[in-house]
Amino acid sequence: MTQHFINGRHVAGRTGETMAVLAPATGEEFTRIACGTADDIDDAVKAAQAAYEGAWGKLTAAERGRLIAKLALKVQDHFDELARIEAQDTGKPMAQARADIEATARYFEFYGGAADKVHGHVIPFMNGYSVSVVHEPHGVTGHILPWNYPAQMFGRSLTASLAMGNAVVLKPAEEACQTALRLAVLASEVGFPDGAINIVTGRGHEAGAALSAHPGIGFMSFTGSPEVGKMVQKACAENLIGCTLELGGKSPQIVFDDADFDAAVPIVCKAIVQNTGQTCSAGSRVLVQKNIYDAFVGAVARQFSKLRAGTPEMDLDCGPVINARQQGRVQSFIDQAREQGIPVLAEGQIAQGVPNGGFYVTPTLFGPVPRGNRLEQEEVFGPVLSAFPFEDESDAIRLANATAYGLVAGIWTGNGGRQQRVAKSVRAGQVFINGYGAGGGIELPFGGTGKSGHGREKGFMALEEFAVTKTIVHKHG
């Protein structure tokens, strides 16, 4: 059984209640976790506050950076172990799990090096005054992570906050929290003071809600659904604190008639089946100029039909989705589209020999999808790709911006002017030209607009989110 990690040690939950964790690949229980309550969250916040006011808060920025960099090396030492834990927890193929652990180590490397490079500045002012602007920690920050990339999200969300000098309290997703708990132990082993990193497991509506509403939290970071994001933001508003919200997307890949087919087709396919489509930035809509629609979508369909889903050990294109509820949700999109008569252009396969109880979904390509359809407007979060034809550049932009989301977009064209016009016109926090995704993109600010949320993670901008700006005005005559 897995316990909380508070003040540098594993502790049982206050109530003693536990819940089962199922392996997505088999549907079988493989461990149990403690069900955190408001009391457990309070214990974790108090431990974090004590660390911030004590040993952790007394470290210099350079000292914090060295500890974070040591954790990167520790992750590499335990690379295979962490990859196995990540694959078991989430069901993802081993190649994806290994890539995730590599990206996690890169977050520690990046923010370890960045910790002592958050500089203030001086503002020229009236004679007799000196004015400086500095960046200070919030104190204790709260983090609620999703189940799709638990290791990467630990590195992405927590490490920027730690680099700025905050102590942290994390509520990981109840479906996948084993990697985060192991990383917290490794952090303790490399010398992080007790209480700098605290983890409370359990249900979102209990432990997560208590964390969002706790008056001892100075800033919140949440990644998940728009519906829960609204609740987190309301809870933060009650305590007048800020938050970053990363809430998903319905990201378009826009393919013009001068696109390089050989370059675009494999990336269009990979962008929707990576992590079995359970990626906020998944390229779930492919928009293709009408005069090449049949040729390009046909090429995508041929590659799509070769996709296979299987267990982590099979190391195929996809794994299972996270649980039975998600499996049912994704399948409902597929079933409804079929009932509406939307053509199925290609289907992948579920590999022979997968366990009957696993949560597998067949990768499916639909098109042409009618505009305004559910497949256009709602995030499926599964291996389902929707194809749409468009007339010209203006129509492509209109179609790309036709959803309430705005996270990522891809543009495929050799026309330099068009590249810039479309990149400036699409509503998205990240735009890729003749490519899609960046291997984790640790250095690249990431976040969205509209229903995709607000605030930025990754890169140096994340450090600013986890800091308070203070202006110091000195009148000296």
Protein backbone atom coordinates (compact mmCIF):
# COMPACT_ATOMS: atom_id res chain seq x y z
CA MET A 1 0.00 0.00 0.00
CA THR A 2 1.16 3.55 -0.78
CA GLN A 3 1.09 6.26 1.87
CA HIS A 4 1.33 10.04 1.73
CA PHE A 5 4.76 11.68 1.72
CA ILE A 6 4.77 14.52 4.24
CA ASN A 7 7.69 16.25 5.94
CA GLY A 8 10.24 13.89 4.44
CA ARG A 9 8.60 10.57 5.33
CA HIS A 10 5.77 8.25 4.38
CA VAL A 11 2.74 8.65 6.62
CA ALA A 12 -0.62 6.91 6.73
CA GLY A 13 -3.75 8.89 6.00
CA ARG A 14 -5.60 10.36 8.98
CA THR A 15 -8.71 8.23 8.37
CA GLY A 16 -6.95 5.03 7.36
CA GLU A 17 -9.18 4.76 4.28
CA THR A 18 -7.55 3.50 1.09
CA MET A 19 -8.58 3.09 -2.53
CA ALA A 20 -7.55 0.68 -5.26
CA VAL A 21 -5.31 1.62 -8.18
CA LEU A 22 -5.85 -0.42 -11.36
CA ALA A 23 -3.25 -1.13 -14.02
CA PRO A 24 -4.75 0.21 -17.30
CA ALA A 25 -3.14 -2.57 -19.30
CA THR A 26 -4.92 -5.33 -17.37
CA GLY A 27 -7.70 -3.68 -15.39
CA GLU A 28 -6.38 -5.41 -12.26
CA GLU A 29 -5.59 -3.83 -8.91
CA PHE A 30 -1.85 -3.55 -8.31
CA THR A 31 -1.72 -1.30 -5.24
CA ARG A 32 -3.79 0.83 -2.90
CA ILE A 33 -3.30 4.48 -1.98
CA ALA A 34 -4.28 6.52 1.05
CA CYS A 35 -7.41 8.63 0.67
CA GLY A 36 -6.31 12.09 1.70
CA THR A 37 -8.63 14.46 3.53
CA ALA A 38 -8.57 18.12 4.52
CA ASP A 39 -6.65 17.11 7.66
CA ASP A 40 -3.94 15.42 5.61
CA ILE A 41 -3.70 18.48 3.38
CA ASP A 42 -3.41 20.68 6.47
CA ASP A 43 -0.55 18.51 7.76
CA ALA A 44 1.24 18.83 4.42
CA VAL A 45 0.77 22.62 4.21
CA LYS A 46 2.09 23.05 7.75
CA ALA A 47 5.14 20.94 6.90
CA ALA A 48 5.74 23.02 3.78
CA GLN A 49 5.36 26.26 5.69
CA ALA A 50 7.85 25.09 8.31
CA ALA A 51 10.33 24.16 5.56
CA TYR A 52 9.86 27.52 3.85
CA GLU A 53 10.47 29.37 7.10
CA GLY A 54 13.33 27.02 8.01
CA ALA A 55 15.92 24.91 6.22
CA TRP A 56 14.53 25.16 2.68
CA GLY A 57 13.86 28.90 2.84
CA LYS A 58 17.35 29.61 4.17
CA LEU A 59 19.07 28.10 1.12
CA THR A 60 20.49 30.45 -1.46
CA ALA A 61 19.27 30.25 -5.05
CA ALA A 62 22.52 28.57 -6.04
CA GLU A 63 22.11 25.96 -3.31
CA ARG A 64 18.54 25.22 -4.42
CA GLY A 65 19.76 24.87 -7.98
CA ARG A 66 22.44 22.37 -6.97
CA LEU A 67 19.87 20.19 -5.20
CA ILE A 68 17.54 20.24 -8.20
CA ALA A 69 20.45 19.38 -10.51
CA LYS A 70 21.40 16.49 -8.21
CA LEU A 71 17.87 15.20 -8.55
CA ALA A 72 18.33 15.13 -12.33
CA LEU A 73 21.34 12.84 -11.89
CA LYS A 74 19.40 10.71 -9.39
CA VAL A 75 16.62 10.25 -11.94
CA GLN A 76 19.15 9.03 -14.49
CA ASP A 77 20.51 6.57 -11.92
CA HIS A 78 16.98 5.18 -11.43
CA PHE A 79 15.91 5.60 -15.06
CA ASP A 80 14.71 2.06 -15.78
CA GLU A 81 12.91 1.76 -12.45
CA LEU A 82 11.03 5.03 -12.98
CA ALA A 83 10.12 4.11 -16.56
CA ARG A 84 8.64 0.80 -15.38
CA ILE A 85 6.62 2.56 -12.68
CA GLU A 86 5.36 5.13 -15.16
CA ALA A 87 4.33 2.46 -17.67
CA GLN A 88 2.52 0.37 -15.07
CA ASP A 89 0.71 3.39 -13.65
CA THR A 90 -0.47 4.78 -16.99
CA GLY A 91 -0.35 1.82 -19.40
CA LYS A 92 1.73 3.76 -21.92
CA PRO A 93 4.25 1.95 -24.17
CA MET A 94 7.72 1.61 -22.67
CA ALA A 95 9.24 3.87 -25.34
CA GLN A 96 6.86 6.66 -24.28
CA ALA A 97 7.57 5.99 -20.59
CA ARG A 98 11.31 6.22 -21.20
CA ALA A 99 10.87 9.46 -23.13
CA ASP A 100 8.83 10.86 -20.24
CA ILE A 101 11.51 10.04 -17.67
CA GLU A 102 14.15 11.60 -19.91
CA ALA A 103 12.03 14.77 -20.13
CA THR A 104 11.56 14.74 -16.36
CA ALA A 105 15.32 14.72 -15.84
CA ARG A 106 15.61 17.60 -18.32
CA TYR A 107 13.18 19.68 -16.25
CA PHE A 108 15.42 19.19 -13.22
CA GLU A 109 18.51 20.08 -15.28
CA PHE A 110 16.87 23.19 -16.72
CA TYR A 111 15.45 24.59 -13.49
CA GLY A 112 18.52 23.57 -11.52
CA GLY A 113 20.50 25.84 -13.82
CA ALA A 114 17.83 28.56 -13.81
CA ALA A 115 17.39 28.88 -10.04
CA ASP A 116 20.08 31.56 -9.59
CA LYS A 117 19.35 33.37 -12.83
CA VAL A 118 16.06 35.06 -11.95
CA HIS A 119 17.32 38.61 -11.90
CA GLY A 120 15.55 41.76 -10.83
CA HIS A 121 16.16 45.16 -12.37
CA VAL A 122 16.65 48.81 -11.51
CA ILE A 123 14.26 51.54 -12.64
CA PRO A 124 15.70 55.02 -13.28
CA PHE A 125 13.61 57.38 -11.16
CA MET A 126 13.73 60.87 -9.66
CA ASN A 127 16.94 62.27 -8.26
CA GLY A 128 17.49 61.14 -4.70
CA TYR A 129 15.78 57.78 -5.21
CA SER A 130 16.94 54.28 -5.99
CA VAL A 131 14.29 51.84 -7.24
CA SER A 132 14.77 48.10 -7.64
CA VAL A 133 12.36 45.33 -8.66
CA VAL A 134 12.92 41.86 -7.21
CA HIS A 135 11.15 38.49 -7.49
CA GLU A 136 10.30 36.60 -4.31
CA PRO A 137 8.62 33.23 -3.59
CA HIS A 138 4.93 32.97 -2.77
CA GLY A 139 5.78 30.74 0.17
CA VAL A 140 3.83 27.50 -0.23
CA THR A 141 2.40 26.54 -3.62
CA GLY A 142 -0.22 23.89 -4.38
CA HIS A 143 -0.12 21.58 -7.38
CA ILE A 144 -2.83 19.29 -8.74
CA LEU A 145 -1.51 17.01 -11.49
CA PRO A 146 -3.31 14.90 -14.13
CA TRP A 147 -2.85 11.21 -14.83
CA ASN A 148 -1.56 11.36 -18.40
CA TYR A 149 2.06 12.42 -17.75
CA PRO A 150 2.63 12.06 -13.99
CA ALA A 151 6.45 12.10 -14.08
CA GLN A 152 6.76 14.92 -16.59
CA MET A 153 4.14 16.98 -14.79
CA PHE A 154 6.04 16.58 -11.51
CA GLY A 155 9.10 18.05 -13.22
CA ARG A 156 7.17 20.69 -15.12
CA SER A 157 4.97 22.02 -12.34
CA LEU A 158 6.85 21.50 -9.09
CA THR A 159 10.40 22.21 -10.17
CA ALA A 160 9.82 25.76 -11.38
CA SER A 161 8.21 26.53 -8.04
CA LEU A 162 11.05 24.90 -6.09
CA ALA A 163 13.63 26.81 -8.13
CA MET A 164 11.99 30.06 -7.03
CA GLY A 165 12.26 29.00 -3.38
CA ASN A 166 8.70 27.92 -2.68
CA ALA A 167 7.88 24.79 -0.70
CA VAL A 168 5.27 22.62 -2.41
CA VAL A 169 2.23 20.45 -1.70
CA LEU A 170 1.18 18.09 -4.48
CA LYS A 171 -2.07 16.19 -5.03
CA PRO A 172 -1.37 13.76 -7.89
CA ALA A 173 -4.13 12.05 -9.83
CA GLU A 174 -5.50 9.08 -7.92
CA GLU A 175 -5.14 6.92 -11.06
CA ALA A 176 -1.39 7.51 -11.41
CA CYS A 177 0.66 8.75 -8.48
CA GLN A 178 3.42 6.18 -8.01
CA THR A 179 6.10 8.03 -10.02
CA ALA A 180 5.52 11.28 -8.14
CA LEU A 181 5.85 9.51 -4.81
CA ARG A 182 9.07 7.83 -5.89
CA LEU A 183 10.51 11.13 -7.14
CA ALA A 184 9.75 12.75 -3.78
CA VAL A 185 11.75 10.02 -2.03
CA LEU A 186 14.66 10.49 -4.45
CA ALA A 187 14.56 14.23 -3.77
CA SER A 188 14.84 13.52 -0.05
CA GLU A 189 17.79 11.21 -0.70
CA VAL A 190 19.76 13.91 -2.54
CA GLY A 191 19.30 16.36 0.33
CA PHE A 192 16.04 18.26 -0.07
CA PRO A 193 15.06 19.41 3.44
CA ASP A 194 12.06 17.75 5.05
CA GLY A 195 8.85 19.51 4.09
CA ALA A 196 10.13 21.08 0.87
CA ILE A 197 8.12 18.52 -1.15
CA ASN A 198 4.90 17.03 0.24
CA ILE A 199 2.47 14.67 -1.50
CA VAL A 200 -1.08 13.83 -0.45
CA THR A 201 -2.85 11.16 -2.48
CA GLY A 202 -6.58 10.65 -2.79
CA ARG A 203 -9.70 11.79 -4.58
CA GLY A 204 -9.94 15.11 -6.33
CA HIS A 205 -13.17 16.21 -4.69
CA GLU A 206 -11.64 15.58 -1.25
CA ALA A 207 -7.88 16.12 -1.17
CA GLY A 208 -7.76 18.26 -4.32
CA ALA A 209 -10.59 20.52 -3.21
CA ALA A 210 -9.02 20.91 0.24
CA LEU A 211 -5.68 21.88 -1.29
CA SER A 212 -7.22 24.48 -3.61
CA ALA A 213 -9.13 26.06 -0.73
CA HIS A 214 -6.40 25.97 1.93
CA PRO A 215 -5.61 29.46 3.27
CA GLY A 216 -1.94 28.55 3.67
CA ILE A 217 -1.42 28.19 -0.08
CA GLY A 218 0.02 31.23 -1.85
CA PHE A 219 -0.43 30.09 -5.46
CA MET A 220 -2.03 27.12 -7.26
CA SER A 221 -1.10 25.18 -10.37
CA PHE A 222 -3.72 22.91 -11.94
CA THR A 223 -3.75 20.75 -15.04
CA GLY A 224 -6.95 18.91 -15.91
CA SER A 225 -10.45 19.44 -17.27
CA PRO A 226 -12.08 22.86 -17.77
CA GLU A 227 -14.89 21.85 -15.42
CA VAL A 228 -12.55 21.14 -12.51
CA GLY A 229 -10.39 24.11 -13.49
CA LYS A 230 -13.33 26.41 -12.83
CA MET A 231 -13.72 24.95 -9.34
CA VAL A 232 -10.02 25.40 -8.62
CA GLN A 233 -10.13 29.01 -9.77
CA LYS A 234 -13.19 29.73 -7.63
CA ALA A 235 -11.45 28.25 -4.60
CA CYS A 236 -8.37 30.37 -5.27
CA ALA A 237 -10.54 33.46 -5.59
CA GLU A 238 -11.91 32.90 -2.09
CA ASN A 239 -8.36 33.29 -0.76
CA LEU A 240 -7.42 35.98 -3.30
CA ILE A 241 -4.52 34.01 -4.75
CA GLY A 242 -3.48 33.40 -8.32
CA CYS A 243 -3.36 30.18 -10.30
CA THR A 244 -2.20 28.72 -13.57
CA LEU A 245 -4.73 26.55 -15.39
CA GLU A 246 -3.84 24.19 -18.24
CA LEU A 247 -7.16 22.75 -19.33
CA GLY A 248 -6.78 20.92 -22.61
CA GLY A 249 -7.24 21.62 -26.27
CA LYS A 250 -8.74 20.78 -29.63
CA SER A 251 -5.60 21.55 -31.54
CA PRO A 252 -5.59 21.83 -35.36
CA GLN A 253 -2.95 20.76 -37.85
CA ILE A 254 -3.47 22.97 -40.92
CA VAL A 255 -2.18 21.43 -44.15
CA PHE A 256 -1.96 23.63 -47.24
CA ASP A 257 -1.58 22.42 -50.81
CA ASP A 258 2.16 23.11 -50.89
CA ALA A 259 2.88 21.04 -47.77
CA ASP A 260 5.57 18.38 -47.74
CA PHE A 261 3.47 15.20 -47.55
CA ASP A 262 6.37 12.97 -46.58
CA ALA A 263 7.20 15.19 -43.60
CA ALA A 264 3.64 15.94 -42.52
CA VAL A 265 1.86 12.56 -42.68
CA PRO A 266 3.84 10.69 -40.00
CA ILE A 267 3.78 13.65 -37.62
CA VAL A 268 0.04 14.18 -38.08
CA CYS A 269 -0.49 10.53 -37.12
CA LYS A 270 1.93 10.60 -34.19
CA ALA A 271 0.45 13.81 -32.79
CA ILE A 272 -2.90 12.13 -32.13
CA VAL A 273 -1.79 8.67 -30.99
CA GLN A 274 1.11 9.72 -28.75
CA ASN A 275 0.18 8.60 -25.24
CA THR A 276 -2.96 7.08 -26.82
CA GLY A 277 -4.29 10.56 -27.57
CA GLN A 278 -4.35 11.41 -23.86
CA THR A 279 -2.39 14.61 -24.40
CA CYS A 280 -3.72 18.13 -23.92
CA SER A 281 -1.81 19.30 -26.98
CA ALA A 282 -2.82 16.33 -29.17
CA GLY A 283 -3.33 17.30 -32.81
CA SER A 284 -6.90 16.01 -32.83
CA ARG A 285 -8.10 17.95 -35.91
CA VAL A 286 -6.37 17.81 -39.30
CA LEU A 287 -7.54 20.62 -41.62
CA VAL A 288 -6.59 20.01 -45.24
CA GLN A 289 -6.90 22.30 -48.25
CA LYS A 290 -9.72 21.02 -50.44
CA ASN A 291 -7.73 20.42 -53.62
CA ILE A 292 -5.36 17.99 -51.83
CA TYR A 293 -7.81 16.65 -49.25
CA ASP A 294 -8.33 13.21 -50.81
CA ALA A 295 -4.62 12.64 -51.48
CA PHE A 296 -3.36 13.81 -48.11
CA VAL A 297 -6.07 12.22 -45.96
CA GLY A 298 -5.66 9.04 -47.98
CA ALA A 299 -1.98 8.97 -47.07
CA VAL A 300 -2.83 9.55 -43.41
CA ALA A 301 -5.42 6.76 -43.56
CA ARG A 302 -2.90 4.28 -44.95
CA GLN A 303 -0.54 4.97 -42.07
CA PHE A 304 -3.37 5.09 -39.54
CA SER A 305 -4.51 1.59 -40.51
CA LYS A 306 -1.09 0.26 -39.49
CA LEU A 307 -1.35 1.58 -35.90
CA ARG A 308 -1.55 -0.96 -33.10
CA ALA A 309 -2.44 -0.71 -29.43
CA GLY A 310 -1.04 -3.06 -26.80
CA THR A 311 0.50 -3.48 -23.39
CA PRO A 312 3.51 -1.41 -22.25
CA GLU A 313 5.80 -4.40 -22.84
CA MET A 314 4.62 -4.79 -26.43
CA ASP A 315 5.87 -1.22 -27.00
CA LEU A 316 3.50 -0.48 -29.88
CA ASP A 317 2.02 2.80 -31.13
CA CYS A 318 -0.58 3.07 -28.34
CA GLY A 319 -1.33 1.65 -24.95
CA PRO A 320 -4.69 1.50 -23.20
CA VAL A 321 -6.47 4.58 -21.95
CA ILE A 322 -6.27 5.23 -18.23
CA ASN A 323 -9.47 3.61 -16.90
CA ALA A 324 -12.88 2.18 -17.76
CA ARG A 325 -14.57 5.55 -17.48
CA GLN A 326 -12.21 7.11 -20.03
CA GLN A 327 -12.54 4.06 -22.26
CA GLY A 328 -16.32 4.46 -22.25
CA ARG A 329 -16.08 8.18 -22.93
CA VAL A 330 -13.76 7.80 -25.92
CA GLN A 331 -15.84 4.93 -27.29
CA SER A 332 -18.96 7.09 -27.02
CA PHE A 333 -17.43 9.62 -29.43
CA ILE A 334 -16.61 6.85 -31.89
CA ASP A 335 -20.04 5.21 -31.61
CA GLN A 336 -21.94 8.46 -31.97
CA ALA A 337 -19.94 9.51 -35.03
CA ARG A 338 -20.67 6.17 -36.65
CA GLU A 339 -24.39 6.53 -35.88
CA GLN A 340 -24.33 9.98 -37.49
CA GLY A 341 -22.92 8.47 -40.66
CA ILE A 342 -19.54 10.20 -40.50
CA PRO A 343 -17.20 8.09 -42.66
CA VAL A 344 -14.56 5.98 -40.95
CA LEU A 345 -11.49 6.43 -43.13
CA ALA A 346 -9.20 4.08 -41.23
CA GLU A 347 -8.89 2.08 -38.06
CA GLY A 348 -5.86 0.73 -36.27
CA GLN A 349 -5.84 -2.56 -34.42
CA ILE A 350 -5.75 -3.82 -30.86
CA ALA A 351 -2.92 -6.34 -30.76
CA GLN A 352 -3.59 -10.00 -30.15
CA GLY A 353 -2.87 -11.19 -26.65
CA VAL A 354 -3.77 -8.06 -24.72
CA PRO A 355 -5.52 -8.79 -21.40
CA ASN A 356 -9.29 -8.87 -21.67
CA GLY A 357 -9.68 -6.49 -18.74
CA GLY A 358 -7.43 -3.76 -20.19
CA PHE A 359 -8.87 -0.40 -21.22
CA TYR A 360 -8.10 -0.46 -24.96
CA VAL A 361 -9.62 1.68 -27.71
CA THR A 362 -9.11 1.21 -31.44
CA PRO A 363 -7.38 4.22 -33.09
CA THR A 364 -9.95 5.71 -35.50
CA LEU A 365 -9.81 8.32 -38.28
CA PHE A 366 -13.03 10.08 -39.31
CA GLY A 367 -13.62 12.41 -42.23
CA PRO A 368 -14.88 14.58 -43.59
CA VAL A 369 -16.37 15.65 -40.24
CA PRO A 370 -19.21 18.19 -40.45
CA ARG A 371 -18.40 21.58 -39.02
CA GLY A 372 -19.94 22.13 -35.61
CA ASN A 373 -19.96 18.41 -34.87
CA ARG A 374 -19.04 17.11 -31.42
CA LEU A 375 -15.81 15.72 -32.89
CA GLU A 376 -14.85 19.26 -33.85
CA GLN A 377 -15.83 20.97 -30.62
CA GLU A 378 -15.11 18.60 -27.71
CA GLU A 379 -11.84 17.14 -26.46
CA VAL A 380 -11.95 13.36 -26.91
CA PHE A 381 -8.66 12.63 -25.10
CA GLY A 382 -8.19 9.41 -26.99
CA PRO A 383 -6.77 8.12 -30.32
CA VAL A 384 -9.45 9.68 -32.51
CA LEU A 385 -8.49 11.98 -35.40
CA SER A 386 -11.00 14.14 -37.29
CA ALA A 387 -10.35 15.41 -40.83
CA PHE A 388 -11.87 18.60 -42.30
CA PRO A 389 -11.47 20.16 -45.77
CA PHE A 390 -11.04 23.93 -46.17
CA GLU A 391 -11.15 26.26 -49.18
CA ASP A 392 -8.42 28.86 -48.70
CA GLU A 393 -6.29 30.60 -46.09
CA SER A 394 -9.14 32.62 -44.62
CA ASP A 395 -11.32 29.54 -44.35
CA ALA A 396 -8.47 27.62 -42.72
CA ILE A 397 -8.06 30.28 -40.04
CA ARG A 398 -11.81 30.43 -39.46
CA LEU A 399 -11.96 26.65 -39.07
CA ALA A 400 -8.88 26.51 -36.82
CA ASN A 401 -10.43 29.12 -34.51
CA ALA A 402 -13.91 27.55 -34.50
CA THR A 403 -13.57 25.96 -31.04
CA ALA A 404 -13.49 27.43 -27.54
CA TYR A 405 -9.98 26.01 -27.02
CA GLY A 406 -6.66 27.59 -27.94
CA LEU A 407 -3.64 25.53 -26.90
CA VAL A 408 -1.48 24.43 -29.85
CA ALA A 409 -1.63 24.64 -33.64
CA GLY A 410 0.46 23.19 -36.46
CA ILE A 411 0.91 24.84 -39.86
CA TRP A 412 2.18 22.93 -42.88
CA THR A 413 3.18 25.12 -45.84
CA GLY A 414 6.30 26.19 -47.71
CA ASN A 415 5.00 29.73 -48.23
CA GLY A 416 6.88 32.02 -45.81
CA GLY A 417 4.34 34.81 -45.87
CA ARG A 418 1.48 32.39 -45.26
CA GLN A 419 3.41 30.79 -42.39
CA GLN A 420 3.57 34.12 -40.57
CA ARG A 421 0.04 35.26 -41.40
CA VAL A 422 -1.56 32.06 -40.19
CA ALA A 423 0.68 31.78 -37.12
CA LYS A 424 -0.40 35.26 -36.04
CA SER A 425 -4.07 34.61 -36.78
CA VAL A 426 -4.71 31.27 -35.06
CA ARG A 427 -5.69 31.39 -31.40
CA ALA A 428 -3.13 29.20 -29.65
CA GLY A 429 -0.48 29.45 -26.97
CA GLN A 430 2.02 27.55 -29.14
CA VAL A 431 2.27 27.39 -32.93
CA PHE A 432 4.51 24.98 -34.83
CA ILE A 433 5.41 25.57 -38.48
CA ASN A 434 6.24 22.47 -40.54
CA GLY A 435 6.46 20.39 -37.40
CA TYR A 436 4.48 19.60 -34.26
CA GLY A 437 5.70 19.10 -30.72
CA ALA A 438 9.21 19.56 -29.43
CA GLY A 439 10.22 16.52 -27.39
CA GLY A 440 8.89 17.92 -24.13
CA GLY A 441 9.75 21.51 -25.00
CA ILE A 442 11.16 22.17 -21.53
CA GLU A 443 12.49 25.61 -22.51
CA LEU A 444 9.36 26.72 -24.40
CA PRO A 445 6.57 28.65 -22.59
CA PHE A 446 3.41 26.55 -22.69
CA GLY A 447 -0.21 27.40 -22.02
CA GLY A 448 -3.39 28.40 -23.75
CA THR A 449 -6.20 30.85 -24.26
CA GLY A 450 -9.95 30.54 -23.83
CA LYS A 451 -11.10 27.15 -22.60
CA SER A 452 -7.49 25.95 -22.62
CA GLY A 453 -6.80 28.04 -19.52
CA HIS A 454 -4.33 30.77 -18.61
CA GLY A 455 -0.84 31.25 -17.25
CA ARG A 456 2.34 29.73 -18.60
CA GLU A 457 4.40 26.69 -17.68
CA LYS A 458 7.86 25.66 -18.91
CA GLY A 459 10.82 27.90 -19.64
CA PHE A 460 11.70 31.02 -17.69
CA MET A 461 8.14 32.32 -17.82
CA ALA A 462 7.09 29.58 -15.39
CA LEU A 463 9.48 31.02 -12.82
CA GLU A 464 7.65 34.32 -13.02
CA GLU A 465 4.33 32.59 -12.34
CA PHE A 466 5.74 31.16 -9.11
CA ALA A 467 7.10 34.48 -7.90
CA VAL A 468 5.82 37.74 -6.42
CA THR A 469 7.20 40.94 -7.89
CA LYS A 470 8.25 43.49 -5.27
CA THR A 471 9.22 47.10 -6.01
CA ILE A 472 11.60 48.68 -3.48
CA VAL A 473 11.80 52.50 -3.48
CA HIS A 474 14.66 54.02 -1.47
CA LYS A 475 14.73 57.77 -0.87
CA HIS A 476 18.24 58.69 0.10
CA GLY A 477 18.54 62.37 -0.79
